[in-house]
Amino acid sequence: MKTRSTTPKVILAIMGVILLVFISYCLIASNSSYLKTGGVKKNPEGVVFIPKKSPLMVSLLINPDKLSSLAQLLPNNGEQKRVVRAMEQLRSNLLTSARVDSPEDIKSWLGDEITLAVTSLDYDYSPENGIQPGYLLAVKNKSPELAKEFLQTYYSREIVSNEVELILEDYQGVNIVCQHPLTDDSPVKQVAAAVVADFVLFANDLPVLKDAINNAQAIDLNLAHDLDYQSAIASLPQKKVSIVYGNLPLTSAWITNQSTIANPDIYQSLTLSLALNPQGLITHTALSGVNTEKNQAPSLTSPPQTLNYIPEDSILTIAGINLTKLGENISNGITNHNPLAEIIYQGIHPLELKTELDFNEEIFSSVSGEYALSLSKNTINNSLEWLFINQKQENSLAKTLDNIAQNRGLSVGQLPLENTTMTAWTKLVTTSENNFSRLQAEVKGVHSETSNEEIITNSVNLLSKVFSTPFDSLLQSSDFQESIKALPQANNGYLFIRWQDLAPYLRNRFPIIKIAELAFKPLFDNLESVTITTEGTQDGISYSTSFFHLKG
């Protein structure tokens, strides 16, 4: 039985250092030229070593420096200094566990690209060792000689431990060295490496490295010459510092530790580019193979006016146009295995169960104009209050909900509110106080209207706030205006999240959020808000842009 194949420590060390330095640039390098330009125009070159059927590829396109030099760029800010100290400690732990003495060992030859890929779901399909994904790290070097010296020094130190044997092999004119643990419980993991021109390759087994060399020599095999990959990369903005490319069915199989996918004929891919901004990070996303419409122009050229009724302190806001179309897209997307549609449905379905409503039939079908939905935090009882605004139209959503409320035994009546009236859905409940029982009206929901909008909420106080003067709306807030400046003007609406306020609720609902926050703690600790928009479909590729606003 072979030694269990995992990502080698040396790869983890290098990627850990790169990740930490990269996050540092994003958070604190206010004088960096990358922030002024957004990034670089080049695309990953290491993809020539990656097969077309790779589940996932992540590439960093800048040459990071060691963290100590970045500290000189910082203003005298205690929080930012604390972030650097925490990252330097983590960097030190990574280097120590990988037996790399100093970041200078890497910096001396490290070039301006680091590309990591999952090359296969199971590279040998051997029943004896279970499912063994292939992993490849392609690191551009600025000196092949110094890179070879690094490998020689590293492997010489490993072999002295008497825990490994080194296998040397010449393959296709390339000198390969493979580190093989002598025992199954050895702390040293199996790793193969080679210097190929201006790249240093690391793989988690010899066959994976040989396949990478073959891919580079036969253009029909590698990802760089895949037409879908080329189209997706070409469709995104040129300036970037990182690229992520994933074959969605294969990525899903890799995450769930599967050796095959159920339907190999389904092709869906996600391509993401990451650029820098003085206030944070911008991601541009291209999604292929999930939209039945080949071309679909953005619906809006300015923010929905319904945002004028969303409170400035809302912790989550969704605004756009035509919920009827969204409902159709979700239904069609689920039928066609659209991953985005399935994610949206997973978020909506628990609400449907709780409210006993069919959102697509009873809500979405009544909203074809502009709309906005928000969540606000009630600081008194620490509960969430929701607010929904939609443009008036022939099929009134408020009247539809009034009928549903009456059919469920709720009382529907009008009451005064500010300078207008509101309709309330109430239920009589019995309460006891000092041995006396009394009836009390429990408010389940209220709504009112303006000349153009219907406003529906579960909070009388929130509705009263919307009609009060003056009213501070989200659309007029500086935070929201700053966020949408970084996004395309023509779009389908916005999802706006105040991260620090919403995160406690998300952690309870989605445990994976906790894992992400631990893995990227410096980023999430400094994340103020996230704003996401979609921009329609062109040539079968759906586009979206996200802005991550970081603390200044």
Protein backbone atom coordinates (compact mmCIF):
# COMPACT_ATOMS: atom_id res chain seq x y z
CA MET A 1 0.00 0.00 0.00
CA LYS A 2 1.29 3.44 -0.91
CA THR A 3 1.86 6.25 1.52
CA ARG A 4 -1.27 8.37 1.83
CA SER A 5 -0.87 11.27 -0.56
CA THR A 6 -1.43 14.75 0.85
CA THR A 7 -0.32 18.23 -0.11
CA PRO A 8 3.37 18.29 0.93
CA LYS A 9 4.54 20.55 3.71
CA VAL A 10 6.87 22.48 1.45
CA ILE A 11 3.93 23.35 -0.80
CA LEU A 12 1.82 24.37 2.20
CA ALA A 13 4.68 26.51 3.46
CA ILE A 14 5.15 28.37 0.19
CA MET A 15 1.42 28.84 -0.36
CA GLY A 16 1.00 29.91 3.26
CA VAL A 17 3.68 32.57 2.92
CA ILE A 18 2.25 33.75 -0.40
CA LEU A 19 -1.30 33.89 0.97
CA LEU A 20 -0.28 35.87 4.03
CA VAL A 21 1.78 38.34 2.05
CA PHE A 22 -1.01 38.69 -0.49
CA ILE A 23 -3.60 39.44 2.18
CA SER A 24 -1.17 41.95 3.64
CA TYR A 25 -0.98 43.74 0.33
CA CYS A 26 -4.76 43.83 0.13
CA LEU A 27 -5.15 45.13 3.67
CA ILE A 28 -2.30 47.50 4.26
CA ALA A 29 -0.06 48.27 1.29
CA SER A 30 -1.60 51.68 0.68
CA ASN A 31 1.45 52.85 -1.27
CA SER A 32 1.70 49.77 -3.47
CA SER A 33 1.64 50.36 -7.24
CA TYR A 34 -0.75 47.41 -7.51
CA LEU A 35 -3.38 49.43 -5.64
CA LYS A 36 -3.02 52.32 -8.07
CA THR A 37 -3.41 50.16 -11.16
CA GLY A 38 -5.56 47.31 -9.81
CA GLY A 39 -3.03 44.66 -10.78
CA VAL A 40 -1.15 43.37 -13.81
CA LYS A 41 -2.31 42.61 -17.35
CA LYS A 42 -0.71 39.21 -17.78
CA ASN A 43 -2.40 35.79 -17.49
CA PRO A 44 -1.05 32.68 -15.73
CA GLU A 45 1.73 30.91 -17.62
CA GLY A 46 1.84 27.86 -15.35
CA VAL A 47 -1.44 26.60 -16.86
CA VAL A 48 0.62 24.88 -19.58
CA PHE A 49 1.41 22.21 -16.96
CA ILE A 50 -2.26 21.75 -15.96
CA PRO A 51 -4.58 19.32 -17.78
CA LYS A 52 -7.78 20.52 -19.47
CA LYS A 53 -9.86 18.43 -17.08
CA SER A 54 -8.38 20.01 -13.96
CA PRO A 55 -11.05 20.48 -11.28
CA LEU A 56 -9.55 23.70 -9.88
CA MET A 57 -6.72 26.15 -10.51
CA VAL A 58 -5.66 29.17 -8.43
CA SER A 59 -2.94 31.54 -9.63
CA LEU A 60 -1.25 34.53 -7.96
CA LEU A 61 0.25 36.92 -10.51
CA ILE A 62 2.42 39.21 -8.38
CA ASN A 63 5.76 38.75 -6.72
CA PRO A 64 5.21 39.18 -2.97
CA ASP A 65 7.90 40.42 -0.62
CA LYS A 66 8.48 39.33 2.94
CA LEU A 67 6.17 40.78 5.57
CA SER A 68 8.76 42.75 7.46
CA SER A 69 9.25 45.13 4.54
CA LEU A 70 5.52 45.79 4.36
CA ALA A 71 5.43 47.14 7.90
CA GLN A 72 7.22 50.26 6.65
CA LEU A 73 4.20 51.09 4.50
CA LEU A 74 1.80 51.17 7.45
CA PRO A 75 0.38 54.27 9.06
CA ASN A 76 0.66 54.42 12.83
CA ASN A 77 -2.43 52.29 13.36
CA GLY A 78 -2.51 49.80 16.22
CA GLU A 79 -5.06 47.47 14.60
CA GLN A 80 -3.03 47.17 11.38
CA LYS A 81 0.19 46.56 13.33
CA ARG A 82 -1.59 43.79 15.23
CA VAL A 83 -2.61 42.13 11.95
CA VAL A 84 1.00 42.12 10.74
CA ARG A 85 2.27 40.63 14.00
CA ALA A 86 -0.33 37.87 13.85
CA MET A 87 0.56 37.04 10.25
CA GLU A 88 4.29 37.02 10.94
CA GLN A 89 3.68 34.54 13.77
CA LEU A 90 1.64 32.31 11.47
CA ARG A 91 4.26 32.60 8.75
CA SER A 92 6.95 31.56 11.22
CA ASN A 93 4.93 28.50 12.28
CA LEU A 94 4.40 27.45 8.65
CA LEU A 95 8.08 27.77 7.80
CA THR A 96 9.13 25.87 10.92
CA SER A 97 6.75 22.96 10.22
CA ALA A 98 8.03 22.74 6.67
CA ARG A 99 11.69 22.85 7.79
CA VAL A 100 12.33 25.96 5.70
CA ASP A 101 14.81 28.05 7.63
CA SER A 102 13.93 31.48 6.27
CA PRO A 103 11.65 33.16 3.76
CA GLU A 104 14.88 34.32 2.13
CA ASP A 105 15.36 30.68 0.97
CA ILE A 106 12.25 31.17 -1.16
CA LYS A 107 12.55 34.86 -1.96
CA SER A 108 15.96 34.44 -3.60
CA TRP A 109 14.45 32.63 -6.58
CA LEU A 110 10.69 33.28 -6.36
CA GLY A 111 9.28 34.89 -9.49
CA ASP A 112 6.03 36.69 -10.23
CA GLU A 113 3.61 33.77 -10.46
CA ILE A 114 2.47 30.96 -8.18
CA THR A 115 -0.14 28.57 -9.61
CA LEU A 116 -1.72 25.76 -7.59
CA ALA A 117 -4.02 23.18 -9.18
CA VAL A 118 -5.99 20.06 -8.43
CA THR A 119 -5.00 18.11 -11.53
CA SER A 120 -7.22 15.04 -11.14
CA LEU A 121 -9.81 13.49 -8.86
CA ASP A 122 -7.79 10.27 -8.50
CA TYR A 123 -4.47 10.17 -10.33
CA ASP A 124 -3.89 6.39 -10.19
CA TYR A 125 -7.38 4.87 -9.66
CA SER A 126 -5.82 2.22 -7.43
CA PRO A 127 -8.27 0.45 -5.09
CA GLU A 128 -5.40 -0.21 -2.66
CA ASN A 129 -4.87 3.39 -1.58
CA GLY A 130 -8.33 4.89 -1.97
CA ILE A 131 -9.06 8.17 -3.72
CA GLN A 132 -5.87 10.15 -4.32
CA PRO A 133 -6.37 13.59 -5.95
CA GLY A 134 -3.42 14.98 -7.88
CA TYR A 135 -1.96 18.31 -6.70
CA LEU A 136 0.49 20.47 -8.63
CA LEU A 137 2.23 23.70 -7.65
CA ALA A 138 3.94 25.63 -10.46
CA VAL A 139 6.14 28.45 -9.17
CA LYS A 140 7.82 30.80 -11.59
CA ASN A 141 11.49 31.32 -10.82
CA LYS A 142 13.70 34.27 -11.65
CA SER A 143 16.80 32.08 -11.48
CA PRO A 144 16.71 28.36 -12.36
CA GLU A 145 20.13 27.94 -10.75
CA LEU A 146 19.00 29.38 -7.40
CA ALA A 147 15.83 27.30 -7.58
CA LYS A 148 17.86 24.14 -8.09
CA GLU A 149 20.07 25.11 -5.15
CA PHE A 150 16.95 25.52 -2.97
CA LEU A 151 15.69 22.05 -3.93
CA GLN A 152 19.10 20.48 -3.37
CA THR A 153 19.41 22.08 0.07
CA TYR A 154 15.87 21.17 1.07
CA TYR A 155 16.10 17.51 0.03
CA SER A 156 19.58 17.11 1.50
CA ARG A 157 18.24 18.21 4.85
CA GLU A 158 15.26 15.85 4.58
CA ILE A 159 17.32 12.77 3.74
CA VAL A 160 19.57 13.32 6.77
CA SER A 161 16.53 12.61 8.94
CA ASN A 162 16.65 8.92 7.90
CA GLU A 163 12.88 9.11 7.36
CA VAL A 164 12.88 9.35 3.56
CA GLU A 165 14.56 8.03 0.46
CA LEU A 166 15.19 10.11 -2.64
CA ILE A 167 14.33 8.80 -6.10
CA LEU A 168 16.19 10.53 -8.96
CA GLU A 169 14.95 10.17 -12.51
CA ASP A 170 15.46 11.75 -15.91
CA TYR A 171 12.11 12.15 -17.67
CA GLN A 172 11.69 13.78 -21.09
CA GLY A 173 14.99 15.59 -20.55
CA VAL A 174 13.93 16.88 -17.11
CA ASN A 175 15.70 15.92 -13.88
CA ILE A 176 13.08 14.83 -11.33
CA VAL A 177 13.61 14.19 -7.64
CA CYS A 178 10.96 12.39 -5.59
CA GLN A 179 10.93 12.29 -1.81
CA HIS A 180 9.44 9.02 -0.58
CA PRO A 181 8.71 8.40 3.16
CA LEU A 182 10.13 5.14 4.51
CA THR A 183 7.20 4.50 6.87
CA ASP A 184 3.45 5.09 6.65
CA ASP A 185 3.46 7.19 9.84
CA SER A 186 6.39 9.38 8.80
CA PRO A 187 5.85 13.13 9.34
CA VAL A 188 7.53 13.69 5.98
CA LYS A 189 5.13 13.50 3.05
CA GLN A 190 5.69 12.25 -0.45
CA VAL A 191 6.58 15.01 -2.92
CA ALA A 192 8.14 15.14 -6.38
CA ALA A 193 9.83 18.25 -7.77
CA ALA A 194 11.64 19.50 -10.83
CA VAL A 195 12.90 22.72 -12.39
CA VAL A 196 11.44 23.09 -15.88
CA ALA A 197 12.81 26.20 -17.61
CA ASP A 198 11.56 29.20 -15.59
CA PHE A 199 9.17 27.18 -13.42
CA VAL A 200 9.69 25.02 -10.34
CA LEU A 201 7.13 22.21 -10.17
CA PHE A 202 6.01 20.43 -7.01
CA ALA A 203 3.57 17.50 -7.09
CA ASN A 204 2.25 15.08 -4.51
CA ASP A 205 3.49 12.04 -6.43
CA LEU A 206 5.77 11.15 -9.33
CA PRO A 207 2.98 10.33 -11.86
CA VAL A 208 1.38 13.74 -11.25
CA LEU A 209 4.66 15.50 -12.02
CA LYS A 210 5.26 13.43 -15.15
CA ASP A 211 1.77 14.25 -16.40
CA ALA A 212 2.51 17.95 -15.88
CA ILE A 213 5.64 17.68 -18.04
CA ASN A 214 3.63 15.85 -20.71
CA ASN A 215 0.95 18.54 -20.64
CA ALA A 216 3.50 21.26 -21.35
CA GLN A 217 4.94 19.36 -24.31
CA ALA A 218 1.56 18.47 -25.91
CA ILE A 219 -0.58 21.58 -26.34
CA ASP A 220 -3.78 19.58 -26.91
CA LEU A 221 -3.56 18.34 -23.33
CA ASN A 222 -3.07 21.53 -21.30
CA LEU A 223 -5.51 24.07 -19.91
CA ALA A 224 -3.77 27.01 -21.58
CA HIS A 225 -5.07 25.80 -24.97
CA ASP A 226 -8.61 24.99 -23.81
CA LEU A 227 -11.05 27.18 -25.77
CA ASP A 228 -13.51 27.59 -22.90
CA TYR A 229 -10.71 28.69 -20.55
CA GLN A 230 -9.37 31.13 -23.14
CA SER A 231 -12.83 32.64 -23.73
CA ALA A 232 -13.49 33.08 -20.01
CA ILE A 233 -10.09 34.70 -19.33
CA ALA A 234 -10.41 37.03 -22.34
CA SER A 235 -13.88 38.19 -21.24
CA LEU A 236 -12.72 39.47 -17.83
CA PRO A 237 -10.96 42.82 -17.14
CA GLN A 238 -7.24 42.78 -17.89
CA LYS A 239 -5.99 44.22 -14.58
CA LYS A 240 -5.79 41.57 -11.85
CA VAL A 241 -3.50 40.05 -9.24
CA SER A 242 -5.06 36.57 -9.08
CA ILE A 243 -7.09 34.14 -11.20
CA VAL A 244 -9.29 31.23 -10.10
CA TYR A 245 -10.65 28.75 -12.65
CA GLY A 246 -12.85 25.80 -11.73
CA ASN A 247 -14.71 23.09 -13.59
CA LEU A 248 -17.78 23.10 -11.32
CA PRO A 249 -18.86 19.42 -11.58
CA LEU A 250 -15.26 18.28 -11.05
CA THR A 251 -14.67 20.78 -8.24
CA SER A 252 -17.81 19.56 -6.50
CA ALA A 253 -16.60 15.95 -6.82
CA TRP A 254 -13.17 16.91 -5.42
CA ILE A 255 -14.71 18.68 -2.41
CA THR A 256 -16.88 15.63 -1.64
CA ASN A 257 -13.96 13.22 -2.22
CA GLN A 258 -15.45 11.48 -5.26
CA SER A 259 -13.32 9.83 -7.95
CA THR A 260 -15.84 10.43 -10.77
CA ILE A 261 -18.72 12.75 -11.64
CA ALA A 262 -22.28 11.59 -12.26
CA ASN A 263 -22.73 13.25 -15.67
CA PRO A 264 -19.46 13.89 -17.56
CA ASP A 265 -21.38 15.55 -20.41
CA ILE A 266 -22.32 18.55 -18.25
CA TYR A 267 -19.79 21.36 -18.57
CA GLN A 268 -19.98 24.27 -16.15
CA SER A 269 -17.07 26.51 -15.25
CA LEU A 270 -16.38 29.44 -12.96
CA THR A 271 -13.59 31.93 -13.70
CA LEU A 272 -12.77 34.62 -11.16
CA SER A 273 -10.23 37.44 -11.33
CA LEU A 274 -9.18 39.45 -8.29
CA ALA A 275 -8.07 43.09 -8.54
CA LEU A 276 -7.00 45.59 -5.89
CA ASN A 277 -8.68 48.84 -4.94
CA PRO A 278 -7.57 51.52 -2.42
CA GLN A 279 -10.62 50.61 -0.30
CA GLY A 280 -10.55 46.84 -0.75
CA LEU A 281 -10.81 44.01 -3.28
CA ILE A 282 -12.77 43.64 -6.51
CA THR A 283 -13.66 40.26 -8.00
CA HIS A 284 -14.97 39.74 -11.53
CA THR A 285 -16.68 36.42 -12.23
CA ALA A 286 -17.59 34.60 -15.44
CA LEU A 287 -19.93 31.60 -15.18
CA SER A 288 -20.27 29.30 -18.20
CA GLY A 289 -22.65 26.48 -19.02
CA VAL A 290 -25.39 27.38 -16.52
CA ASN A 291 -27.59 29.89 -18.37
CA THR A 292 -30.09 28.80 -21.00
CA GLU A 293 -30.14 32.29 -22.55
CA LYS A 294 -27.14 33.05 -24.75
CA ASN A 295 -27.43 36.84 -24.48
CA GLN A 296 -29.21 38.84 -21.81
CA ALA A 297 -28.50 42.55 -21.29
CA PRO A 298 -28.43 44.11 -17.78
CA SER A 299 -31.82 45.37 -16.61
CA LEU A 300 -30.73 48.57 -14.85
CA THR A 301 -28.49 51.54 -15.60
CA SER A 302 -28.99 53.23 -12.21
CA PRO A 303 -29.68 51.96 -8.66
CA PRO A 304 -33.31 50.88 -7.99
CA GLN A 305 -35.30 53.76 -6.49
CA THR A 306 -36.77 51.35 -3.95
CA LEU A 307 -33.43 51.73 -2.11
CA ASN A 308 -34.65 55.18 -1.04
CA TYR A 309 -36.87 53.38 1.51
CA ILE A 310 -34.20 51.05 2.94
CA PRO A 311 -32.75 52.27 6.28
CA GLU A 312 -29.08 53.21 6.22
CA ASP A 313 -28.29 50.81 9.09
CA SER A 314 -29.68 47.71 7.33
CA ILE A 315 -27.28 44.80 7.66
CA LEU A 316 -28.40 43.01 4.48
CA THR A 317 -30.07 44.44 1.40
CA ILE A 318 -31.11 42.87 -1.91
CA ALA A 319 -32.39 45.21 -4.63
CA GLY A 320 -33.18 44.73 -8.29
CA ILE A 321 -35.95 44.43 -10.83
CA ASN A 322 -38.38 41.70 -11.91
CA LEU A 323 -38.67 39.04 -9.23
CA THR A 324 -40.94 37.17 -11.64
CA LYS A 325 -37.98 36.60 -13.94
CA LEU A 326 -35.76 35.64 -10.99
CA GLY A 327 -38.25 32.99 -9.93
CA GLU A 328 -38.29 31.54 -13.44
CA ASN A 329 -34.49 31.52 -13.57
CA ILE A 330 -34.27 29.70 -10.23
CA SER A 331 -36.75 27.04 -11.34
CA ASN A 332 -35.04 26.55 -14.70
CA GLY A 333 -31.60 26.63 -13.07
CA ILE A 334 -32.46 23.83 -10.65
CA THR A 335 -33.73 21.72 -13.56
CA ASN A 336 -30.50 22.39 -15.49
CA HIS A 337 -28.21 21.83 -12.45
CA ASN A 338 -27.27 25.51 -12.20
CA PRO A 339 -25.16 25.73 -8.99
CA LEU A 340 -26.02 29.40 -8.39
CA ALA A 341 -29.76 28.69 -8.65
CA GLU A 342 -29.40 25.78 -6.23
CA ILE A 343 -27.58 27.99 -3.70
CA ILE A 344 -30.32 30.66 -3.91
CA TYR A 345 -33.01 28.02 -3.50
CA GLN A 346 -31.27 26.57 -0.44
CA GLY A 347 -31.46 30.04 1.14
CA ILE A 348 -35.12 30.58 0.19
CA HIS A 349 -36.58 27.15 0.91
CA PRO A 350 -36.27 27.33 4.75
CA LEU A 351 -38.20 30.63 4.63
CA GLU A 352 -40.87 28.98 2.50
CA LEU A 353 -41.25 26.22 5.08
CA LYS A 354 -41.40 28.71 7.95
CA THR A 355 -43.96 31.02 6.32
CA GLU A 356 -45.86 28.24 4.51
CA LEU A 357 -45.61 30.32 1.31
CA ASP A 358 -44.68 29.30 -2.22
CA PHE A 359 -42.43 32.26 -3.00
CA ASN A 360 -42.42 31.66 -6.74
CA GLU A 361 -46.22 31.48 -7.03
CA GLU A 362 -47.37 33.84 -4.27
CA ILE A 363 -44.64 36.52 -4.15
CA PHE A 364 -42.29 36.46 -7.14
CA SER A 365 -45.14 36.30 -9.66
CA SER A 366 -46.56 39.60 -8.31
CA VAL A 367 -43.33 41.65 -8.58
CA SER A 368 -42.19 42.57 -12.08
CA GLY A 369 -40.94 46.09 -11.25
CA GLU A 370 -38.16 47.35 -9.01
CA TYR A 371 -37.92 45.87 -5.52
CA ALA A 372 -35.74 45.93 -2.39
CA LEU A 373 -35.54 43.59 0.60
CA SER A 374 -33.59 44.35 3.77
CA LEU A 375 -32.82 42.95 7.20
CA SER A 376 -32.26 45.26 10.17
CA LYS A 377 -31.11 44.40 13.68
CA ASN A 378 -33.44 45.18 16.56
CA THR A 379 -30.96 46.08 19.30
CA ILE A 380 -33.59 45.77 22.07
CA ASN A 381 -34.40 42.07 21.64
CA ASN A 382 -31.54 41.16 19.26
CA SER A 383 -33.96 39.97 16.59
CA LEU A 384 -34.00 40.61 12.86
CA GLU A 385 -36.64 42.79 11.22
CA TRP A 386 -37.37 42.54 7.50
CA LEU A 387 -38.61 45.16 5.09
CA PHE A 388 -39.81 44.68 1.50
CA ILE A 389 -40.52 47.44 -1.02
CA ASN A 390 -41.82 46.98 -4.56
CA GLN A 391 -43.16 49.21 -7.30
CA LYS A 392 -46.93 49.33 -7.52
CA GLN A 393 -48.41 47.32 -10.37
CA GLU A 394 -51.68 45.81 -11.48
CA ASN A 395 -51.28 42.67 -9.33
CA SER A 396 -50.86 44.11 -5.83
CA LEU A 397 -48.55 42.01 -3.66
CA ALA A 398 -49.99 43.60 -0.49
CA LYS A 399 -53.53 42.56 -1.42
CA THR A 400 -52.35 39.04 -2.23
CA LEU A 401 -50.74 38.80 1.21
CA ASP A 402 -53.87 40.28 2.85
CA ASN A 403 -55.92 37.43 1.39
CA ILE A 404 -53.38 34.84 2.57
CA ALA A 405 -53.42 36.36 6.08
CA GLN A 406 -57.23 36.23 6.26
CA ASN A 407 -57.28 32.62 5.05
CA ARG A 408 -54.94 31.77 7.95
CA GLY A 409 -57.27 33.30 10.52
CA LEU A 410 -55.46 36.61 11.02
CA SER A 411 -57.31 39.87 11.44
CA VAL A 412 -56.62 42.43 8.69
CA GLY A 413 -57.38 46.07 9.54
CA GLN A 414 -56.22 49.64 9.01
CA LEU A 415 -54.56 51.83 11.65
CA PRO A 416 -53.12 55.39 11.60
CA LEU A 417 -49.34 55.79 11.03
CA GLU A 418 -47.54 59.16 10.92
CA ASN A 419 -49.38 61.12 8.21
CA THR A 420 -50.79 58.03 6.49
CA THR A 421 -52.41 54.70 7.33
CA MET A 422 -51.13 51.16 7.57
CA THR A 423 -52.72 47.74 7.25
CA ALA A 424 -51.87 45.29 10.04
CA TRP A 425 -52.13 41.49 10.23
CA THR A 426 -52.84 40.64 13.84
CA LYS A 427 -53.61 37.61 15.96
CA LEU A 428 -55.29 37.71 19.38
CA VAL A 429 -53.30 35.95 22.10
CA THR A 430 -53.94 35.48 25.82
CA THR A 431 -51.42 36.87 28.30
CA SER A 432 -51.29 36.66 32.12
CA GLU A 433 -50.05 39.33 34.51
CA ASN A 434 -50.63 39.48 38.31
CA ASN A 435 -53.13 36.60 38.11
CA PHE A 436 -55.21 38.51 35.55
CA SER A 437 -55.69 37.28 31.99
CA ARG A 438 -56.15 39.60 29.08
CA LEU A 439 -56.27 39.56 25.30
CA GLN A 440 -53.49 41.17 23.34
CA ALA A 441 -53.12 41.74 19.58
CA GLU A 442 -49.89 40.20 18.29
CA VAL A 443 -48.71 41.91 15.09
CA LYS A 444 -47.61 39.45 12.40
CA GLY A 445 -47.01 42.02 9.68
CA VAL A 446 -47.87 45.51 8.48
CA HIS A 447 -47.83 47.36 5.17
CA SER A 448 -48.44 50.78 3.75
CA GLU A 449 -47.83 52.57 0.47
CA THR A 450 -46.54 55.69 -1.21
CA SER A 451 -47.68 57.06 -4.56
CA ASN A 452 -45.45 54.51 -6.38
CA GLU A 453 -44.41 51.80 -3.89
CA GLU A 454 -45.82 49.15 -1.57
CA ILE A 455 -43.93 48.81 1.73
CA ILE A 456 -44.30 45.58 3.74
CA THR A 457 -42.56 44.64 7.01
CA ASN A 458 -42.91 42.64 10.22
CA SER A 459 -42.15 45.69 12.40
CA VAL A 460 -44.41 48.66 13.15
CA ASN A 461 -41.39 50.61 14.40
CA LEU A 462 -39.49 49.97 11.18
CA LEU A 463 -42.44 51.06 9.05
CA SER A 464 -42.82 54.20 11.15
CA LYS A 465 -39.12 54.91 10.67
CA VAL A 466 -39.46 54.72 6.89
CA PHE A 467 -42.22 57.38 6.93
CA SER A 468 -40.48 59.66 9.42
CA THR A 469 -38.75 62.90 8.42
CA PRO A 470 -35.84 63.12 7.95
CA PHE A 471 -35.11 59.54 6.87
CA ASP A 472 -31.55 58.33 6.29
CA SER A 473 -31.72 55.84 3.41
CA LEU A 474 -29.13 53.31 2.30
CA LEU A 475 -29.05 54.80 -1.21
CA GLN A 476 -27.82 58.13 0.14
CA SER A 477 -25.26 56.68 2.56
CA SER A 478 -21.58 57.24 1.84
CA ASP A 479 -20.71 53.56 2.52
CA PHE A 480 -23.12 52.27 -0.12
CA GLN A 481 -22.21 54.96 -2.64
CA GLU A 482 -18.52 54.16 -2.19
CA SER A 483 -19.21 50.47 -2.75
CA ILE A 484 -21.21 50.81 -5.96
CA LYS A 485 -18.57 53.13 -7.47
CA ALA A 486 -16.38 50.04 -7.88
CA LEU A 487 -19.16 48.11 -9.68
CA PRO A 488 -20.47 48.34 -13.26
CA GLN A 489 -23.21 50.95 -13.70
CA ALA A 490 -25.27 48.67 -15.95
CA ASN A 491 -26.35 45.69 -13.85
CA ASN A 492 -29.29 43.69 -12.47
CA GLY A 493 -29.26 45.12 -8.94
CA TYR A 494 -27.26 44.71 -5.73
CA LEU A 495 -26.67 42.45 -2.76
CA PHE A 496 -25.18 44.56 0.07
CA ILE A 497 -23.94 43.00 3.33
CA ARG A 498 -22.53 44.73 6.41
CA TRP A 499 -20.29 41.84 7.30
CA GLN A 500 -19.52 42.43 10.99
CA ASP A 501 -23.24 42.86 11.82
CA LEU A 502 -24.57 39.96 9.72
CA ALA A 503 -21.78 37.43 10.41
CA PRO A 504 -23.16 36.21 13.80
CA TYR A 505 -26.43 35.19 12.12
CA LEU A 506 -24.64 33.58 9.15
CA ARG A 507 -22.40 31.50 11.42
CA ASN A 508 -25.44 29.86 13.00
CA ARG A 509 -27.07 29.17 9.64
CA PHE A 510 -23.95 28.18 7.65
CA PRO A 511 -21.17 26.47 9.69
CA ILE A 512 -18.76 26.78 6.75
CA ILE A 513 -18.60 30.53 7.51
CA LYS A 514 -16.75 29.73 10.75
CA ILE A 515 -14.18 27.68 8.84
CA ALA A 516 -13.64 30.45 6.29
CA GLU A 517 -13.22 33.07 9.01
CA LEU A 518 -10.59 30.97 10.77
CA ALA A 519 -8.70 30.27 7.54
CA PHE A 520 -8.68 33.92 6.43
CA LYS A 521 -8.96 35.68 9.78
CA PRO A 522 -6.99 38.85 8.88
CA LEU A 523 -9.27 39.40 5.90
CA PHE A 524 -12.58 38.81 7.71
CA ASP A 525 -11.51 40.81 10.76
CA ASN A 526 -10.99 43.82 8.49
CA LEU A 527 -14.00 43.28 6.23
CA GLU A 528 -16.64 46.01 6.55
CA SER A 529 -19.06 45.22 3.74
CA VAL A 530 -19.58 43.10 0.63
CA THR A 531 -21.48 44.35 -2.42
CA ILE A 532 -22.33 42.01 -5.31
CA THR A 533 -24.01 42.66 -8.64
CA THR A 534 -24.70 40.67 -11.82
CA GLU A 535 -24.33 42.06 -15.33
CA GLY A 536 -26.30 39.75 -17.58
CA THR A 537 -25.13 37.15 -20.08
CA GLN A 538 -23.07 37.40 -23.25
CA ASP A 539 -22.25 34.50 -25.56
CA GLY A 540 -23.58 32.12 -22.91
CA ILE A 541 -21.30 33.48 -20.14
CA SER A 542 -22.93 35.10 -17.09
CA TYR A 543 -20.99 37.91 -15.41
CA SER A 544 -20.93 39.32 -11.89
CA THR A 545 -18.73 41.70 -9.88
CA SER A 546 -18.13 41.89 -6.12
CA PHE A 547 -16.54 44.60 -3.99
CA PHE A 548 -15.07 43.75 -0.58
CA HIS A 549 -14.75 46.98 1.42
CA LEU A 550 -11.95 46.74 3.97
CA LYS A 551 -11.31 48.91 7.01
CA GLY A 552 -9.23 51.96 6.15
